Amino acid sequence: MFFKSSKFFFLNIKRVFFRLPFGYSLDDPLSRYHKMFDGNDFFYIRRMGMSLNQLLVIRKIRKRNPKAKILYEIPTYPYKKELKKRWIDYPLWWKERTYMPILHRYVDRIVTISKDERLFGMPTIPIINGINLDTIHPIKPVPEDGAIHIVAVAMFCWWHGYDRLIRGLGEA
């Protein structure tokens, strides 16, 4: 029982620490500079949430790889409402508001699903999220056992819509 409660305690301490102005996640690949970043000519960073430490790592990536192209994907934009849904996320919004405007010094382009041409003073590369069903038609193989087999290629988070998928399968 003690182990479970202490694990819960430390997990929540970690979450609170990340939300603090100078806090960051210790298990984040951008929590510190790694030698494996040296000598690369292209960096694609996809993340939600910016901290001072991450900004400093990106700055060091730029300094150690001055000719490299650095793209920074924001998976959801605008995200202000998402970061202000719960009171505990407000510090994350303030961190974003503080550090994202500085990112233009180190990043070449922002990759986004939005149609904005510029974000945080940087030109964007707009992408689409999903597939065009007019050009790619789903196949309908019928399993011999009548089972439905699904592969989900993403973390299991509420915004991925697995609940809608499961509800839709029940309604079909």
N, C-alpha and C. Protein backbone atom coordinates (compact mmCIF):
# COMPACT_ATOMS: atom_id res chain seq x y z
N MET A 1 0.83 -1.20 0.00
CA MET A 1 0.00 0.00 0.00
C MET A 1 0.87 1.26 0.00
N PHE A 2 1.95 1.25 0.79
CA PHE A 2 2.83 2.41 0.85
C PHE A 2 3.45 2.68 -0.51
N PHE A 3 3.86 1.61 -1.21
CA PHE A 3 4.49 1.79 -2.52
C PHE A 3 3.54 2.47 -3.51
N LYS A 4 2.28 2.03 -3.51
CA LYS A 4 1.31 2.64 -4.43
C LYS A 4 1.08 4.11 -4.09
N SER A 5 0.96 4.42 -2.81
CA SER A 5 0.70 5.81 -2.43
C SER A 5 1.93 6.68 -2.68
N SER A 6 3.13 6.14 -2.45
CA SER A 6 4.33 6.93 -2.70
C SER A 6 4.54 7.14 -4.20
N LYS A 7 4.22 6.15 -5.01
CA LYS A 7 4.32 6.29 -6.46
C LYS A 7 3.35 7.38 -6.94
N PHE A 8 2.12 7.35 -6.42
CA PHE A 8 1.13 8.37 -6.76
C PHE A 8 1.62 9.75 -6.35
N PHE A 9 2.20 9.85 -5.16
CA PHE A 9 2.71 11.12 -4.65
C PHE A 9 3.80 11.67 -5.56
N PHE A 10 4.80 10.85 -5.89
CA PHE A 10 5.92 11.31 -6.71
C PHE A 10 5.49 11.62 -8.15
N LEU A 11 4.52 10.89 -8.66
CA LEU A 11 4.01 11.19 -9.99
C LEU A 11 3.36 12.57 -10.00
N ASN A 12 2.60 12.88 -8.98
CA ASN A 12 1.95 14.19 -8.91
C ASN A 12 2.95 15.30 -8.64
N ILE A 13 3.98 15.04 -7.85
CA ILE A 13 5.05 16.03 -7.64
C ILE A 13 5.71 16.35 -8.98
N LYS A 14 5.95 15.32 -9.77
CA LYS A 14 6.57 15.49 -11.09
C LYS A 14 5.68 16.36 -11.99
N ARG A 15 4.38 16.12 -11.94
CA ARG A 15 3.45 16.92 -12.76
C ARG A 15 3.44 18.38 -12.32
N VAL A 16 3.43 18.59 -11.01
CA VAL A 16 3.43 19.96 -10.49
C VAL A 16 4.74 20.65 -10.85
N PHE A 17 5.87 19.96 -10.69
CA PHE A 17 7.17 20.54 -11.00
C PHE A 17 7.24 20.99 -12.45
N PHE A 18 6.71 20.18 -13.38
CA PHE A 18 6.73 20.54 -14.79
C PHE A 18 5.95 21.83 -15.05
N ARG A 19 4.92 22.07 -14.29
CA ARG A 19 4.08 23.25 -14.50
C ARG A 19 4.70 24.53 -13.94
N LEU A 20 5.69 24.41 -13.08
CA LEU A 20 6.33 25.59 -12.51
C LEU A 20 7.08 26.36 -13.60
N PRO A 21 7.31 27.67 -13.42
CA PRO A 21 7.92 28.48 -14.48
C PRO A 21 9.24 27.94 -15.03
N PHE A 22 10.09 27.39 -14.19
CA PHE A 22 11.37 26.89 -14.67
C PHE A 22 11.43 25.36 -14.64
N GLY A 23 10.30 24.74 -14.38
CA GLY A 23 10.26 23.29 -14.28
C GLY A 23 10.25 22.63 -15.64
N TYR A 24 10.70 21.40 -15.67
CA TYR A 24 10.70 20.61 -16.89
C TYR A 24 10.65 19.14 -16.51
N SER A 25 10.33 18.31 -17.46
CA SER A 25 10.22 16.88 -17.23
C SER A 25 11.60 16.24 -17.39
N LEU A 26 12.02 15.50 -16.39
CA LEU A 26 13.34 14.88 -16.44
C LEU A 26 13.43 13.75 -17.47
N ASP A 27 12.30 13.16 -17.82
CA ASP A 27 12.33 12.08 -18.80
C ASP A 27 12.06 12.58 -20.22
N ASP A 28 12.02 13.88 -20.40
CA ASP A 28 11.83 14.48 -21.72
C ASP A 28 13.15 14.45 -22.48
N PRO A 29 13.15 13.99 -23.75
CA PRO A 29 14.40 13.99 -24.52
C PRO A 29 15.03 15.37 -24.66
N LEU A 30 14.22 16.42 -24.53
CA LEU A 30 14.77 17.78 -24.61
C LEU A 30 15.03 18.36 -23.22
N SER A 31 15.16 17.51 -22.21
CA SER A 31 15.44 18.02 -20.87
C SER A 31 16.89 18.45 -20.74
N ARG A 32 17.76 17.89 -21.60
CA ARG A 32 19.17 18.30 -21.61
C ARG A 32 19.75 18.00 -22.99
N TYR A 33 20.86 18.64 -23.28
CA TYR A 33 21.49 18.44 -24.58
C TYR A 33 22.21 17.10 -24.60
N HIS A 34 22.07 16.37 -25.70
CA HIS A 34 22.72 15.08 -25.87
C HIS A 34 23.74 15.18 -27.00
N LYS A 35 24.85 14.49 -26.87
CA LYS A 35 25.88 14.52 -27.92
C LYS A 35 25.35 13.98 -29.24
N MET A 36 24.30 13.15 -29.20
CA MET A 36 23.74 12.62 -30.44
C MET A 36 23.13 13.73 -31.30
N PHE A 37 22.90 14.91 -30.73
CA PHE A 37 22.37 16.04 -31.50
C PHE A 37 23.45 16.66 -32.38
N ASP A 38 24.72 16.44 -32.06
CA ASP A 38 25.82 17.05 -32.81
C ASP A 38 25.92 16.49 -34.23
N GLY A 39 26.20 17.38 -35.18
CA GLY A 39 26.50 16.96 -36.55
C GLY A 39 25.29 16.67 -37.42
N ASN A 40 24.10 16.88 -36.93
CA ASN A 40 22.92 16.63 -37.74
C ASN A 40 22.57 17.87 -38.55
N ASP A 41 21.98 17.66 -39.71
CA ASP A 41 21.62 18.80 -40.55
C ASP A 41 20.13 19.07 -40.56
N PHE A 42 19.36 18.28 -39.79
CA PHE A 42 17.92 18.45 -39.78
C PHE A 42 17.37 17.99 -38.44
N PHE A 43 16.50 18.80 -37.85
CA PHE A 43 15.84 18.45 -36.60
C PHE A 43 14.34 18.70 -36.76
N TYR A 44 13.56 17.71 -36.39
CA TYR A 44 12.10 17.84 -36.41
C TYR A 44 11.64 17.60 -34.98
N ILE A 45 11.14 18.65 -34.36
CA ILE A 45 10.72 18.57 -32.96
C ILE A 45 9.21 18.69 -32.94
N ARG A 46 8.54 17.68 -32.39
CA ARG A 46 7.08 17.70 -32.28
C ARG A 46 6.73 17.62 -30.81
N ARG A 47 6.07 18.64 -30.35
CA ARG A 47 5.74 18.63 -28.93
C ARG A 47 4.65 19.64 -28.60
N MET A 48 4.11 19.43 -27.45
CA MET A 48 3.15 20.38 -26.89
C MET A 48 3.71 20.77 -25.54
N GLY A 49 3.93 22.01 -25.34
CA GLY A 49 4.45 22.48 -24.07
C GLY A 49 5.90 22.89 -24.18
N MET A 50 6.18 24.10 -23.80
CA MET A 50 7.54 24.65 -23.87
C MET A 50 7.97 25.05 -22.48
N SER A 51 9.22 24.79 -22.16
CA SER A 51 9.78 25.23 -20.90
C SER A 51 11.08 25.96 -21.19
N LEU A 52 11.57 26.67 -20.20
CA LEU A 52 12.83 27.38 -20.36
C LEU A 52 13.95 26.39 -20.70
N ASN A 53 13.96 25.26 -20.02
CA ASN A 53 15.01 24.27 -20.26
C ASN A 53 14.97 23.75 -21.70
N GLN A 54 13.78 23.48 -22.22
CA GLN A 54 13.65 23.02 -23.60
C GLN A 54 14.13 24.10 -24.57
N LEU A 55 13.79 25.33 -24.29
CA LEU A 55 14.24 26.44 -25.14
C LEU A 55 15.77 26.53 -25.14
N LEU A 56 16.38 26.33 -23.98
CA LEU A 56 17.83 26.38 -23.89
C LEU A 56 18.48 25.22 -24.65
N VAL A 57 17.85 24.05 -24.63
CA VAL A 57 18.36 22.90 -25.39
C VAL A 57 18.26 23.18 -26.88
N ILE A 58 17.14 23.74 -27.32
CA ILE A 58 16.98 24.07 -28.74
C ILE A 58 18.00 25.15 -29.14
N ARG A 59 18.24 26.09 -28.27
CA ARG A 59 19.26 27.11 -28.54
C ARG A 59 20.64 26.46 -28.70
N LYS A 60 20.94 25.48 -27.87
CA LYS A 60 22.22 24.80 -27.97
C LYS A 60 22.29 23.95 -29.24
N ILE A 61 21.18 23.36 -29.63
CA ILE A 61 21.13 22.62 -30.90
C ILE A 61 21.50 23.56 -32.04
N ARG A 62 20.92 24.75 -32.03
CA ARG A 62 21.20 25.74 -33.08
C ARG A 62 22.68 26.17 -33.04
N LYS A 63 23.18 26.41 -31.85
CA LYS A 63 24.57 26.87 -31.70
C LYS A 63 25.56 25.80 -32.16
N ARG A 64 25.30 24.53 -31.81
CA ARG A 64 26.22 23.45 -32.15
C ARG A 64 26.02 22.95 -33.59
N ASN A 65 24.88 23.29 -34.20
CA ASN A 65 24.56 22.86 -35.57
C ASN A 65 24.04 24.07 -36.34
N PRO A 66 24.88 25.07 -36.60
CA PRO A 66 24.40 26.34 -37.16
C PRO A 66 23.77 26.22 -38.54
N LYS A 67 24.16 25.24 -39.34
CA LYS A 67 23.59 25.10 -40.68
C LYS A 67 22.38 24.19 -40.73
N ALA A 68 22.03 23.60 -39.62
CA ALA A 68 20.91 22.66 -39.58
C ALA A 68 19.57 23.38 -39.77
N LYS A 69 18.65 22.69 -40.37
CA LYS A 69 17.27 23.16 -40.46
C LYS A 69 16.53 22.59 -39.26
N ILE A 70 15.85 23.47 -38.54
CA ILE A 70 15.11 23.05 -37.37
C ILE A 70 13.63 23.38 -37.59
N LEU A 71 12.81 22.33 -37.58
CA LEU A 71 11.37 22.48 -37.70
C LEU A 71 10.76 22.13 -36.35
N TYR A 72 9.77 22.90 -35.95
CA TYR A 72 9.11 22.70 -34.67
C TYR A 72 7.63 22.54 -34.93
N GLU A 73 7.11 21.33 -34.71
CA GLU A 73 5.68 21.09 -34.96
C GLU A 73 4.87 21.36 -33.71
N ILE A 74 3.81 22.10 -33.90
CA ILE A 74 2.83 22.30 -32.85
C ILE A 74 1.63 21.44 -33.25
N PRO A 75 1.39 20.32 -32.55
CA PRO A 75 0.37 19.39 -32.99
C PRO A 75 -1.05 19.96 -32.96
N THR A 76 -1.29 20.92 -32.11
CA THR A 76 -2.62 21.54 -32.03
C THR A 76 -2.44 23.05 -31.94
N TYR A 77 -3.06 23.76 -32.86
CA TYR A 77 -3.02 25.22 -32.77
C TYR A 77 -4.34 25.76 -33.30
N PRO A 78 -4.97 26.69 -32.67
CA PRO A 78 -4.58 27.33 -31.41
C PRO A 78 -4.89 26.42 -30.22
N TYR A 79 -4.07 26.49 -29.23
CA TYR A 79 -4.21 25.60 -28.08
C TYR A 79 -4.49 26.35 -26.79
N LYS A 80 -4.70 27.64 -26.89
CA LYS A 80 -4.92 28.45 -25.69
C LYS A 80 -6.10 27.91 -24.86
N LYS A 81 -7.20 27.56 -25.53
CA LYS A 81 -8.37 27.06 -24.80
C LYS A 81 -8.07 25.72 -24.13
N GLU A 82 -7.25 24.89 -24.78
CA GLU A 82 -6.90 23.60 -24.19
C GLU A 82 -6.10 23.78 -22.91
N LEU A 83 -5.21 24.77 -22.90
CA LEU A 83 -4.38 24.99 -21.73
C LEU A 83 -5.09 25.79 -20.65
N LYS A 84 -6.32 26.22 -20.93
CA LYS A 84 -7.03 26.98 -19.91
C LYS A 84 -8.32 26.28 -19.48
N LYS A 85 -8.45 25.00 -19.83
CA LYS A 85 -9.64 24.25 -19.42
C LYS A 85 -9.62 23.95 -17.93
N ARG A 86 -8.46 23.58 -17.43
CA ARG A 86 -8.33 23.23 -16.02
C ARG A 86 -7.40 24.23 -15.34
N TRP A 87 -7.69 24.57 -14.13
CA TRP A 87 -6.87 25.55 -13.41
C TRP A 87 -5.43 25.08 -13.28
N ILE A 88 -5.22 23.78 -13.19
CA ILE A 88 -3.86 23.27 -13.01
C ILE A 88 -3.00 23.47 -14.26
N ASP A 89 -3.63 23.70 -15.41
CA ASP A 89 -2.89 23.89 -16.66
C ASP A 89 -2.55 25.36 -16.93
N TYR A 90 -3.07 26.28 -16.17
CA TYR A 90 -2.76 27.70 -16.39
C TYR A 90 -1.26 28.00 -16.41
N PRO A 91 -0.47 27.42 -15.49
CA PRO A 91 0.98 27.68 -15.57
C PRO A 91 1.60 27.24 -16.91
N LEU A 92 1.06 26.17 -17.51
CA LEU A 92 1.56 25.74 -18.81
C LEU A 92 1.29 26.81 -19.87
N TRP A 93 0.11 27.42 -19.79
CA TRP A 93 -0.23 28.48 -20.74
C TRP A 93 0.72 29.67 -20.57
N TRP A 94 1.02 30.02 -19.33
CA TRP A 94 1.94 31.13 -19.10
C TRP A 94 3.34 30.81 -19.60
N LYS A 95 3.77 29.55 -19.42
CA LYS A 95 5.08 29.15 -19.93
C LYS A 95 5.11 29.27 -21.46
N GLU A 96 4.06 28.81 -22.11
CA GLU A 96 3.98 28.92 -23.57
C GLU A 96 4.03 30.39 -23.99
N ARG A 97 3.26 31.18 -23.32
CA ARG A 97 3.20 32.60 -23.65
C ARG A 97 4.54 33.30 -23.45
N THR A 98 5.31 32.83 -22.51
CA THR A 98 6.62 33.42 -22.22
C THR A 98 7.69 32.96 -23.19
N TYR A 99 7.76 31.65 -23.45
CA TYR A 99 8.90 31.10 -24.18
C TYR A 99 8.69 30.96 -25.69
N MET A 100 7.47 30.76 -26.15
CA MET A 100 7.25 30.56 -27.59
C MET A 100 7.67 31.77 -28.44
N PRO A 101 7.43 33.01 -28.01
CA PRO A 101 7.87 34.14 -28.84
C PRO A 101 9.39 34.24 -29.01
N ILE A 102 10.16 33.56 -28.18
CA ILE A 102 11.62 33.57 -28.29
C ILE A 102 12.11 32.50 -29.25
N LEU A 103 11.27 31.53 -29.53
CA LEU A 103 11.67 30.37 -30.33
C LEU A 103 12.14 30.75 -31.73
N HIS A 104 11.65 31.87 -32.27
CA HIS A 104 12.02 32.26 -33.65
C HIS A 104 13.53 32.48 -33.82
N ARG A 105 14.22 32.69 -32.73
CA ARG A 105 15.67 32.90 -32.81
C ARG A 105 16.41 31.61 -33.20
N TYR A 106 15.79 30.47 -32.97
CA TYR A 106 16.48 29.19 -33.12
C TYR A 106 15.83 28.22 -34.11
N VAL A 107 14.58 28.46 -34.44
CA VAL A 107 13.82 27.54 -35.29
C VAL A 107 13.57 28.18 -36.65
N ASP A 108 13.67 27.37 -37.70
CA ASP A 108 13.46 27.89 -39.06
C ASP A 108 11.99 27.99 -39.44
N ARG A 109 11.22 26.99 -39.09
CA ARG A 109 9.79 26.97 -39.45
C ARG A 109 8.98 26.28 -38.36
N ILE A 110 7.73 26.69 -38.29
CA ILE A 110 6.75 26.01 -37.44
C ILE A 110 5.90 25.13 -38.36
N VAL A 111 5.77 23.87 -38.00
CA VAL A 111 4.89 22.96 -38.73
C VAL A 111 3.57 22.93 -37.97
N THR A 112 2.47 23.12 -38.68
CA THR A 112 1.18 23.22 -38.01
C THR A 112 0.06 22.66 -38.88
N ILE A 113 -0.99 22.25 -38.23
CA ILE A 113 -2.17 21.77 -38.93
C ILE A 113 -3.09 22.95 -39.25
N SER A 114 -2.84 24.08 -38.65
CA SER A 114 -3.66 25.27 -38.92
C SER A 114 -3.30 25.86 -40.28
N LYS A 115 -4.08 26.82 -40.71
CA LYS A 115 -3.82 27.47 -42.00
C LYS A 115 -3.09 28.80 -41.83
N ASP A 116 -2.56 29.03 -40.64
CA ASP A 116 -1.80 30.26 -40.39
C ASP A 116 -0.52 30.26 -41.21
N GLU A 117 -0.20 31.41 -41.79
CA GLU A 117 1.04 31.54 -42.57
C GLU A 117 2.24 31.84 -41.69
N ARG A 118 1.99 32.44 -40.53
CA ARG A 118 3.06 32.75 -39.58
C ARG A 118 2.54 32.50 -38.17
N LEU A 119 3.41 31.92 -37.35
CA LEU A 119 3.11 31.73 -35.93
C LEU A 119 4.33 32.13 -35.14
N PHE A 120 4.14 32.91 -34.12
CA PHE A 120 5.23 33.35 -33.25
C PHE A 120 6.35 34.00 -34.04
N GLY A 121 6.00 34.71 -35.09
CA GLY A 121 6.99 35.42 -35.89
C GLY A 121 7.76 34.55 -36.87
N MET A 122 7.34 33.31 -37.05
CA MET A 122 8.04 32.40 -37.96
C MET A 122 7.10 31.92 -39.06
N PRO A 123 7.64 31.70 -40.25
CA PRO A 123 6.81 31.13 -41.31
C PRO A 123 6.42 29.69 -40.96
N THR A 124 5.28 29.27 -41.45
CA THR A 124 4.79 27.93 -41.13
C THR A 124 4.87 27.00 -42.34
N ILE A 125 4.80 25.74 -42.06
CA ILE A 125 4.62 24.70 -43.07
C ILE A 125 3.31 24.03 -42.69
N PRO A 126 2.24 24.30 -43.43
CA PRO A 126 0.95 23.67 -43.08
C PRO A 126 0.92 22.21 -43.55
N ILE A 127 0.39 21.36 -42.69
CA ILE A 127 0.22 19.95 -43.04
C ILE A 127 -1.22 19.56 -42.76
N ILE A 128 -1.62 18.40 -43.22
CA ILE A 128 -2.96 17.90 -42.90
C ILE A 128 -2.83 16.77 -41.91
N ASN A 129 -3.86 16.57 -41.16
CA ASN A 129 -3.88 15.53 -40.15
C ASN A 129 -4.96 14.53 -40.54
N GLY A 130 -4.56 13.46 -41.15
CA GLY A 130 -5.52 12.46 -41.56
C GLY A 130 -5.32 12.08 -43.01
N ILE A 131 -6.29 11.41 -43.56
CA ILE A 131 -6.22 10.99 -44.95
C ILE A 131 -7.44 11.49 -45.70
N ASN A 132 -7.31 11.61 -46.99
CA ASN A 132 -8.41 12.03 -47.85
C ASN A 132 -9.13 10.77 -48.33
N LEU A 133 -10.31 10.52 -47.82
CA LEU A 133 -11.04 9.30 -48.18
C LEU A 133 -11.56 9.33 -49.61
N ASP A 134 -11.50 10.49 -50.28
CA ASP A 134 -11.88 10.54 -51.69
C ASP A 134 -10.80 9.91 -52.57
N THR A 135 -9.57 9.91 -52.09
CA THR A 135 -8.48 9.35 -52.90
C THR A 135 -8.00 8.00 -52.38
N ILE A 136 -8.23 7.72 -51.11
CA ILE A 136 -7.83 6.44 -50.53
C ILE A 136 -9.09 5.76 -50.00
N HIS A 137 -9.45 4.67 -50.63
CA HIS A 137 -10.67 3.97 -50.24
C HIS A 137 -10.34 2.85 -49.26
N PRO A 138 -11.11 2.76 -48.19
CA PRO A 138 -10.84 1.68 -47.24
C PRO A 138 -11.16 0.32 -47.86
N ILE A 139 -10.39 -0.67 -47.46
CA ILE A 139 -10.68 -2.02 -47.92
C ILE A 139 -11.58 -2.69 -46.89
N LYS A 140 -12.34 -3.64 -47.33
CA LYS A 140 -13.29 -4.28 -46.42
C LYS A 140 -13.06 -5.79 -46.38
N PRO A 141 -11.92 -6.21 -45.84
CA PRO A 141 -11.74 -7.65 -45.70
C PRO A 141 -12.65 -8.17 -44.59
N VAL A 142 -13.18 -9.34 -44.77
CA VAL A 142 -14.04 -9.93 -43.77
C VAL A 142 -13.24 -11.03 -43.06
N PRO A 143 -12.95 -10.83 -41.77
CA PRO A 143 -12.22 -11.88 -41.06
C PRO A 143 -13.05 -13.16 -40.98
N GLU A 144 -12.38 -14.29 -41.06
CA GLU A 144 -13.08 -15.56 -41.02
C GLU A 144 -13.79 -15.78 -39.69
N ASP A 145 -13.20 -15.25 -38.63
CA ASP A 145 -13.81 -15.47 -37.31
C ASP A 145 -14.85 -14.40 -36.95
N GLY A 146 -15.06 -13.42 -37.84
CA GLY A 146 -16.03 -12.36 -37.59
C GLY A 146 -15.56 -11.30 -36.62
N ALA A 147 -14.31 -11.37 -36.18
CA ALA A 147 -13.77 -10.40 -35.21
C ALA A 147 -13.38 -9.11 -35.92
N ILE A 148 -13.32 -8.07 -35.16
CA ILE A 148 -12.86 -6.78 -35.66
C ILE A 148 -11.47 -6.56 -35.10
N HIS A 149 -10.49 -6.32 -35.98
CA HIS A 149 -9.11 -6.09 -35.57
C HIS A 149 -8.76 -4.63 -35.82
N ILE A 150 -8.30 -3.94 -34.80
CA ILE A 150 -8.00 -2.51 -34.91
C ILE A 150 -6.57 -2.28 -34.43
N VAL A 151 -5.84 -1.47 -35.16
CA VAL A 151 -4.53 -1.04 -34.74
C VAL A 151 -4.59 0.48 -34.56
N ALA A 152 -4.24 0.94 -33.37
CA ALA A 152 -4.22 2.37 -33.09
C ALA A 152 -2.77 2.80 -32.94
N VAL A 153 -2.35 3.71 -33.80
CA VAL A 153 -0.96 4.15 -33.79
C VAL A 153 -0.89 5.52 -33.15
N ALA A 154 -0.95 5.55 -31.85
CA ALA A 154 -0.87 6.79 -31.08
C ALA A 154 -0.90 6.41 -29.61
N MET A 155 -0.55 7.38 -28.79
CA MET A 155 -0.72 7.16 -27.35
C MET A 155 -2.21 7.11 -27.09
N PHE A 156 -2.59 6.55 -25.99
CA PHE A 156 -4.00 6.42 -25.65
C PHE A 156 -4.41 7.65 -24.84
N CYS A 157 -4.75 8.73 -25.54
CA CYS A 157 -5.14 9.98 -24.89
C CYS A 157 -6.56 10.35 -25.32
N TRP A 158 -7.24 11.13 -24.50
CA TRP A 158 -8.65 11.43 -24.78
C TRP A 158 -8.84 12.15 -26.10
N TRP A 159 -7.88 12.96 -26.53
CA TRP A 159 -8.06 13.75 -27.74
C TRP A 159 -7.92 12.92 -29.02
N HIS A 160 -7.47 11.68 -28.90
CA HIS A 160 -7.34 10.86 -30.10
C HIS A 160 -8.68 10.27 -30.55
N GLY A 161 -9.70 10.34 -29.72
CA GLY A 161 -11.04 9.95 -30.14
C GLY A 161 -11.33 8.47 -30.14
N TYR A 162 -10.61 7.69 -29.36
CA TYR A 162 -10.90 6.26 -29.31
C TYR A 162 -12.32 6.00 -28.80
N ASP A 163 -12.77 6.87 -27.90
CA ASP A 163 -14.14 6.70 -27.40
C ASP A 163 -15.15 6.83 -28.52
N ARG A 164 -14.91 7.76 -29.46
CA ARG A 164 -15.83 7.93 -30.60
C ARG A 164 -15.75 6.73 -31.53
N LEU A 165 -14.55 6.18 -31.69
CA LEU A 165 -14.39 4.99 -32.53
C LEU A 165 -15.17 3.82 -31.94
N ILE A 166 -15.00 3.60 -30.67
CA ILE A 166 -15.68 2.47 -30.01
C ILE A 166 -17.20 2.68 -30.04
N ARG A 167 -17.65 3.91 -29.78
CA ARG A 167 -19.08 4.20 -29.83
C ARG A 167 -19.62 3.97 -31.24
N GLY A 168 -18.85 4.41 -32.25
CA GLY A 168 -19.27 4.22 -33.64
C GLY A 168 -19.35 2.77 -34.03
N LEU A 169 -18.42 1.95 -33.54
CA LEU A 169 -18.48 0.52 -33.82
C LEU A 169 -19.74 -0.10 -33.19
N GLY A 170 -20.10 0.40 -32.03
CA GLY A 170 -21.31 -0.12 -31.37
C GLY A 170 -22.58 0.27 -32.10
N GLU A 171 -22.55 1.43 -32.76
CA GLU A 171 -23.73 1.91 -33.48
C GLU A 171 -23.83 1.31 -34.89
N ALA A 172 -22.75 0.75 -35.41
CA ALA A 172 -22.75 0.23 -36.77
C ALA A 172 -23.51 -1.06 -36.90
